[in-house]
PDB file of N, CA and C in Angstrom:
ATOM      1  N   UNK A   1      61.412 127.015  65.733  1.00  0.00           N
ATOM      2  CA  UNK A   1      60.673 127.187  66.981  1.00  0.00           C
ATOM      3  C   UNK A   1      60.798 125.953  67.871  1.00  0.00           C
ATOM      4  N   UNK A   2      60.715 124.772  67.270  1.00  0.00           N
ATOM      5  CA  UNK A   2      60.811 123.535  68.038  1.00  0.00           C
ATOM      6  C   UNK A   2      62.200 123.380  68.641  1.00  0.00           C
ATOM      7  N   UNK A   3      63.229 123.869  67.926  1.00  0.00           N
ATOM      8  CA  UNK A   3      64.592 123.776  68.447  1.00  0.00           C
ATOM      9  C   UNK A   3      64.764 124.649  69.682  1.00  0.00           C
ATOM     10  N   UNK A   4      64.121 125.798  69.702  1.00  0.00           N
ATOM     11  CA  UNK A   4      64.208 126.702  70.847  1.00  0.00           C
ATOM     12  C   UNK A   4      63.542 126.072  72.067  1.00  0.00           C
ATOM     13  N   UNK A   5      62.395 125.452  71.862  1.00  0.00           N
ATOM     14  CA  UNK A   5      61.685 124.797  72.965  1.00  0.00           C
ATOM     15  C   UNK A   5      62.501 123.622  73.483  1.00  0.00           C
ATOM     16  N   UNK A   6      63.113 122.860  72.577  1.00  0.00           N
ATOM     17  CA  UNK A   6      63.946 121.731  72.980  1.00  0.00           C
ATOM     18  C   UNK A   6      65.165 122.214  73.759  1.00  0.00           C
ATOM     19  N   UNK A   7      65.761 123.319  73.324  1.00  0.00           N
ATOM     20  CA  UNK A   7      66.929 123.861  74.013  1.00  0.00           C
ATOM     21  C   UNK A   7      66.559 124.352  75.407  1.00  0.00           C
ATOM     22  N   UNK A   8      65.401 124.988  75.535  1.00  0.00           N
ATOM     23  CA  UNK A   8      64.952 125.467  76.851  1.00  0.00           C
ATOM     24  C   UNK A   8      64.700 124.292  77.770  1.00  0.00           C
ATOM     25  N   UNK A   9      64.052 123.238  77.269  1.00  0.00           N
ATOM     26  CA  UNK A   9      63.781 122.063  78.094  1.00  0.00           C
ATOM     27  C   UNK A   9      65.081 121.378  78.502  1.00  0.00           C
ATOM     28  N   UNK A  10      66.042 121.263  77.583  1.00  0.00           N
ATOM     29  CA  UNK A  10      67.325 120.649  77.893  1.00  0.00           C
ATOM     30  C   UNK A  10      68.073 121.477  78.927  1.00  0.00           C
ATOM     31  N   UNK A  11      68.039 122.794  78.773  1.00  0.00           N
ATOM     32  CA  UNK A  11      68.686 123.665  79.754  1.00  0.00           C
ATOM     33  C   UNK A  11      68.044 123.531  81.133  1.00  0.00           C
ATOM     34  N   UNK A  12      66.737 123.399  81.165  1.00  0.00           N
ATOM     35  CA  UNK A  12      66.038 123.235  82.438  1.00  0.00           C
ATOM     36  C   UNK A  12      66.418 121.919  83.107  1.00  0.00           C
ATOM     37  N   UNK A  13      66.477 120.860  82.314  1.00  0.00           N
ATOM     38  CA  UNK A  13      66.857 119.550  82.855  1.00  0.00           C
ATOM     39  C   UNK A  13      68.285 119.601  83.383  1.00  0.00           C
ATOM     40  N   UNK A  14      69.192 120.205  82.625  1.00  0.00           N
ATOM     41  CA  UNK A  14      70.575 120.311  83.070  1.00  0.00           C
ATOM     42  C   UNK A  14      70.696 121.163  84.335  1.00  0.00           C
ATOM     43  N   UNK A  15      69.943 122.235  84.420  1.00  0.00           N
ATOM     44  CA  UNK A  15      69.993 123.101  85.604  1.00  0.00           C
ATOM     45  C   UNK A  15      69.477 122.362  86.838  1.00  0.00           C
ATOM     46  N   UNK A  16      68.379 121.631  86.689  1.00  0.00           N
ATOM     47  CA  UNK A  16      67.829 120.874  87.819  1.00  0.00           C
ATOM     48  C   UNK A  16      68.801 119.765  88.226  1.00  0.00           C
ATOM     49  N   UNK A  17      69.401 119.097  87.246  1.00  0.00           N
ATOM     50  CA  UNK A  17      70.375 118.043  87.543  1.00  0.00           C
ATOM     51  C   UNK A  17      71.591 118.607  88.273  1.00  0.00           C
ATOM     52  N   UNK A  18      72.080 119.747  87.828  1.00  0.00           N
ATOM     53  CA  UNK A  18      73.233 120.378  88.479  1.00  0.00           C
ATOM     54  C   UNK A  18      72.895 120.773  89.916  1.00  0.00           C
ATOM     55  N   UNK A  19      71.713 121.307  90.122  1.00  0.00           N
ATOM     56  CA  UNK A  19      71.304 121.697  91.473  1.00  0.00           C
ATOM     57  C   UNK A  19      71.173 120.473  92.380  1.00  0.00           C
ATOM     58  N   UNK A  20      70.600 119.395  91.850  1.00  0.00           N
ATOM     59  CA  UNK A  20      70.456 118.166  92.634  1.00  0.00           C
ATOM     60  C   UNK A  20      71.824 117.585  92.994  1.00  0.00           C
ATOM     61  N   UNK A  21      72.748 117.584  92.046  1.00  0.00           N
ATOM     62  CA  UNK A  21      74.100 117.093  92.333  1.00  0.00           C
ATOM     63  C   UNK A  21      74.797 117.962  93.371  1.00  0.00           C
ATOM     64  N   UNK A  22      74.607 119.257  93.285  1.00  0.00           N
ATOM     65  CA  UNK A  22      75.209 120.173  94.252  1.00  0.00           C
ATOM     66  C   UNK A  22      74.685 119.891  95.663  1.00  0.00           C
ATOM     67  N   UNK A  23      73.388 119.692  95.784  1.00  0.00           N
ATOM     68  CA  UNK A  23      72.792 119.385  97.085  1.00  0.00           C
ATOM     69  C   UNK A  23      73.293 118.035  97.594  1.00  0.00           C
ATOM     70  N   UNK A  24      73.359 117.034  96.716  1.00  0.00           N
ATOM     71  CA  UNK A  24      73.811 115.701  97.098  1.00  0.00           C
ATOM     72  C   UNK A  24      75.261 115.720  97.583  1.00  0.00           C
ATOM     73  N   UNK A  25      76.137 116.371  96.832  1.00  0.00           N
ATOM     74  CA  UNK A  25      77.553 116.430  97.207  1.00  0.00           C
ATOM     75  C   UNK A  25      77.733 117.249  98.485  1.00  0.00           C
ATOM     76  N   UNK A  26      77.028 118.354  98.605  1.00  0.00           N
ATOM     77  CA  UNK A  26      77.128 119.168  99.821  1.00  0.00           C
ATOM     78  C   UNK A  26      76.654 118.385 101.039  1.00  0.00           C
ATOM     79  N   UNK A  27      75.566 117.663 100.897  1.00  0.00           N
ATOM     80  CA  UNK A  27      75.078 116.818 101.992  1.00  0.00           C
ATOM     81  C   UNK A  27      76.088 115.759 102.379  1.00  0.00           C
ATOM     82  N   UNK A  28      76.729 115.155 101.399  1.00  0.00           N
ATOM     83  CA  UNK A  28      77.750 114.153 101.683  1.00  0.00           C
ATOM     84  C   UNK A  28      78.942 114.734 102.418  1.00  0.00           C
ATOM     85  N   UNK A  29      79.369 115.914 102.011  1.00  0.00           N
ATOM     86  CA  UNK A  29      80.493 116.571 102.687  1.00  0.00           C
ATOM     87  C   UNK A  29      80.126 116.914 104.124  1.00  0.00           C
ATOM     88  N   UNK A  30      78.935 117.419 104.335  1.00  0.00           N
ATOM     89  CA  UNK A  30      78.487 117.745 105.694  1.00  0.00           C
ATOM     90  C   UNK A  30      78.404 116.485 106.543  1.00  0.00           C
ATOM     91  N   UNK A  31      77.867 115.400 105.977  1.00  0.00           N
ATOM     92  CA  UNK A  31      77.757 114.135 106.699  1.00  0.00           C
ATOM     93  C   UNK A  31      79.139 113.617 107.100  1.00  0.00           C
ATOM     94  N   UNK A  32      80.070 113.565 106.141  1.00  0.00           N
ATOM     95  CA  UNK A  32      81.404 113.052 106.438  1.00  0.00           C
ATOM     96  C   UNK A  32      82.140 113.948 107.429  1.00  0.00           C
ATOM     97  N   UNK A  33      81.960 115.249 107.337  1.00  0.00           N
ATOM     98  CA  UNK A  33      82.595 116.164 108.283  1.00  0.00           C
ATOM     99  C   UNK A  33      82.054 115.947 109.689  1.00  0.00           C
ATOM    100  N   UNK A  34      80.758 115.734 109.797  1.00  0.00           N
ATOM    101  CA  UNK A  34      80.142 115.492 111.103  1.00  0.00           C
ATOM    102  C   UNK A  34      80.642 114.195 111.711  1.00  0.00           C
ATOM    103  N   UNK A  35      80.709 113.146 110.909  1.00  0.00           N
ATOM    104  CA  UNK A  35      81.191 111.856 111.400  1.00  0.00           C
ATOM    105  C   UNK A  35      82.644 111.975 111.861  1.00  0.00           C
ATOM    106  N   UNK A  36      83.465 112.667 111.087  1.00  0.00           N
ATOM    107  CA  UNK A  36      84.872 112.829 111.447  1.00  0.00           C
ATOM    108  C   UNK A  36      85.019 113.662 112.714  1.00  0.00           C
ATOM    109  N   UNK A  37      84.196 114.685 112.864  1.00  0.00           N
ATOM    110  CA  UNK A  37      84.227 115.529 114.065  1.00  0.00           C
ATOM    111  C   UNK A  37      83.851 114.718 115.299  1.00  0.00           C
ATOM    112  N   UNK A  38      82.783 113.891 115.176  1.00  0.00           N
ATOM    113  CA  UNK A  38      82.364 113.061 116.310  1.00  0.00           C
ATOM    114  C   UNK A  38      83.438 112.038 116.663  1.00  0.00           C
ATOM    115  N   UNK A  39      84.069 111.456 115.651  1.00  0.00           N
ATOM    116  CA  UNK A  39      85.101 110.461 115.893  1.00  0.00           C
ATOM    117  C   UNK A  39      86.318 111.101 116.565  1.00  0.00           C
ATOM    118  N   UNK A  40      86.721 112.284 116.109  1.00  0.00           N
ATOM    119  CA  UNK A  40      87.850 112.989 116.705  1.00  0.00           C
ATOM    120  C   UNK A  40      87.546 113.346 118.160  1.00  0.00           C
ATOM    121  N   UNK A  41      86.316 113.783 118.417  1.00  0.00           N
ATOM    122  CA  UNK A  41      85.917 114.131 119.781  1.00  0.00           C
ATOM    123  C   UNK A  41      85.935 112.898 120.684  1.00  0.00           C
ATOM    124  N   UNK A  42      85.484 111.764 120.143  1.00  0.00           N
ATOM    125  CA  UNK A  42      85.467 110.512 120.912  1.00  0.00           C
ATOM    126  C   UNK A  42      86.894 110.047 121.217  1.00  0.00           C
ATOM    127  N   UNK A  43      87.804 110.189 120.269  1.00  0.00           N
ATOM    128  CA  UNK A  43      89.191 109.768 120.484  1.00  0.00           C
ATOM    129  C   UNK A  43      89.903 110.640 121.502  1.00  0.00           C
ATOM    130  N   UNK A  44      89.503 111.893 121.632  1.00  0.00           N
ATOM    131  CA  UNK A  44      90.176 112.803 122.559  1.00  0.00           C
ATOM    132  C   UNK A  44      89.678 112.656 123.989  1.00  0.00           C
ATOM    133  N   UNK A  45      88.551 111.995 124.203  1.00  0.00           N
ATOM    134  CA  UNK A  45      88.041 111.808 125.557  1.00  0.00           C
ATOM    135  C   UNK A  45      88.892 110.770 126.275  1.00  0.00           C
ATOM    136  N   UNK A  46      89.125 110.962 127.562  1.00  0.00           N
ATOM    137  CA  UNK A  46      89.901 109.962 128.305  1.00  0.00           C
ATOM    138  C   UNK A  46      89.141 108.638 128.377  1.00  0.00           C
ATOM    139  N   UNK A  47      89.905 107.560 128.402  1.00  0.00           N
ATOM    140  CA  UNK A  47      89.300 106.228 128.462  1.00  0.00           C
ATOM    141  C   UNK A  47      88.784 106.000 129.862  1.00  0.00           C
ATOM    142  N   UNK A  48      87.513 105.630 129.976  1.00  0.00           N
ATOM    143  CA  UNK A  48      86.915 105.379 131.269  1.00  0.00           C
ATOM    144  C   UNK A  48      87.039 103.899 131.591  1.00  0.00           C
ATOM    145  N   UNK A  49      87.367 103.602 132.827  1.00  0.00           N
ATOM    146  CA  UNK A  49      87.486 102.209 133.252  1.00  0.00           C
ATOM    147  C   UNK A  49      86.117 101.567 133.278  1.00  0.00           C
ATOM    148  N   UNK A  50      86.050 100.344 132.801  1.00  0.00           N
ATOM    149  CA  UNK A  50      84.764  99.639 132.825  1.00  0.00           C
ATOM    150  C   UNK A  50      84.517  99.101 134.217  1.00  0.00           C
ATOM    151  N   UNK A  51      83.300  98.751 134.508  1.00  0.00           N
ATOM    152  CA  UNK A  51      82.904  98.251 135.821  1.00  0.00           C
ATOM    153  C   UNK A  51      83.328  96.808 136.048  1.00  0.00           C
ATOM    154  N   UNK A  52      83.744  96.128 134.988  1.00  0.00           N
ATOM    155  CA  UNK A  52      84.110  94.717 135.121  1.00  0.00           C
ATOM    156  C   UNK A  52      85.570  94.557 135.530  1.00  0.00           C
ATOM    157  N   UNK A  53      85.839  93.484 136.227  1.00  0.00           N
ATOM    158  CA  UNK A  53      87.214  93.146 136.610  1.00  0.00           C
ATOM    159  C   UNK A  53      87.840  92.341 135.478  1.00  0.00           C
ATOM    160  N   UNK A  54      89.148  92.473 135.295  1.00  0.00           N
ATOM    161  CA  UNK A  54      89.824  91.775 134.203  1.00  0.00           C
ATOM    162  C   UNK A  54      90.550  90.523 134.697  1.00  0.00           C
ATOM    163  N   UNK A  55      90.119  89.936 135.785  1.00  0.00           N
ATOM    164  CA  UNK A  55      90.771  88.747 136.335  1.00  0.00           C
ATOM    165  C   UNK A  55      90.328  87.507 135.620  1.00  0.00           C
TER     166      UNK A  55
END
């Protein structure tokens, strides 16, 4: 009986850990994709002349 309870608790811990890792990795992928998208968008914009003179 104690082995069954231990197995259920271990399975629960593993399931929660797997779910947390899935959320963490998915969040990281979304973050990196967003940063790359913003950077690509910034690189494609034409360069605007600054108000300062270069003399």
